[in-house]
Amino acid sequence: MLLGELNGHPVAFLPRHGPGHRVPPSGINSRANIDALKRVGVTDLLSVNAVGSLREDLAPGALVVVDQLLDRTTQRTNSFFSDGVVAHVSLAEPVCARLGDAVAAAASAEAAPCHHGGTLVIIEGPQFSTRAESLLYRSWGCDLVGMTALPEARLAREAELCYAILALVTDYDCWHPGHESVTVDEVLATMARNIGTARGIVTRLPALLGERSPCPHRCDRALDAAVLTAADARDPALVGRLDAVAGRVLQARPSA
C-alpha cells in the first residue's frame, strides 16, 4: 500500500493484484486489503476495474460508474463475519451513490465521457467468459462483466466504507459477432489508452469530496443493528480480529 497526498488531501493506493500483477482474481485477499485500508483511516474507496462490455453502445474505451452488481463467483470468502459473530448488512444498493456521483463529476471535469449507472456481473475467472455465458449475462440485462469488484463491495460495506466503482471498458467480451473473442493483448492496449483519463479522474476526486461528513446513504453506519450475536456469546478471538472493521459496534459500551 502507498500512502501520500493529492493536492493536499491524504490518499492511499493499494494495487489489488500486487506489484507486477502477480495475484489472480480468485487469489486476491480482499479481506486483508479492506482491513488494511480501514486501519490507515480510509473512508471513501474507489475501485478501478477493467471490464468487458455486454452492450453495443459501451464500446472499448468507455467509462462507467457502476451502480449494481451480480455475483457469479464461487471460491471467494465474502464476509469478515463468521461462526462466533454473525452480522447481516444491507446490500440492496451495493455502491455509495454519494461517492459515485463524485466520480461522475470528476469525469465531467476531466471532459471524459462517462456513463452513470450500470450493472456489472462478476465472474470467478481467471478465464474469460464462454460465448454462452456472455449471451446469458446479456439476456439478464447486465451491462458489464469483470472479475474483481466482489467480494470487495460486500467487504467494504461490512467495514462501513463508502465504495464506488469506475469501470474501464476494454473489450466486448465474446458475444459481439463483429469482434474477435477477447484477448489479453486487446485488454492491455485499451487499458493503456484509458489509464491517463482514469488518473485524471482520481486526481480530481478528493477535492470534489471535500471534508468528510456522515454519509447520507449510511454507508458509514452499515453495522447499526446488523450484528445479531449476543455480546456474551461472541467469539473473543474473532471480535479482536474485527477491531478495525467493526470495533465501532462490537466494542461499544452499552449506555447506562
Foldseek 3Di string as FASTA:
>chain_A
DDWDDQPNHTDDDDDQCDPPSPRFLQRGPLLVVLLVCLVVPAFAAEAEFEWAWLDPVQAAQAKEWEFAEAEAEDRHDQELDDPQWAFDFDCPGLAAPVLSVLLVVLLVVLVHDYHYYFYEYAHQDPDFDDLVVSVVCVVVVHTIYGHHCPSNSSLLLLLLHHYIYIYRYQYNAPNDPVDHHDDPVSSVVSCVVNVVSVVSSVSPRVVSCPDDDQRPVRSNVRRVVGIDDDLVRGDPVSLVVCCSRPVVPNVDDDDD
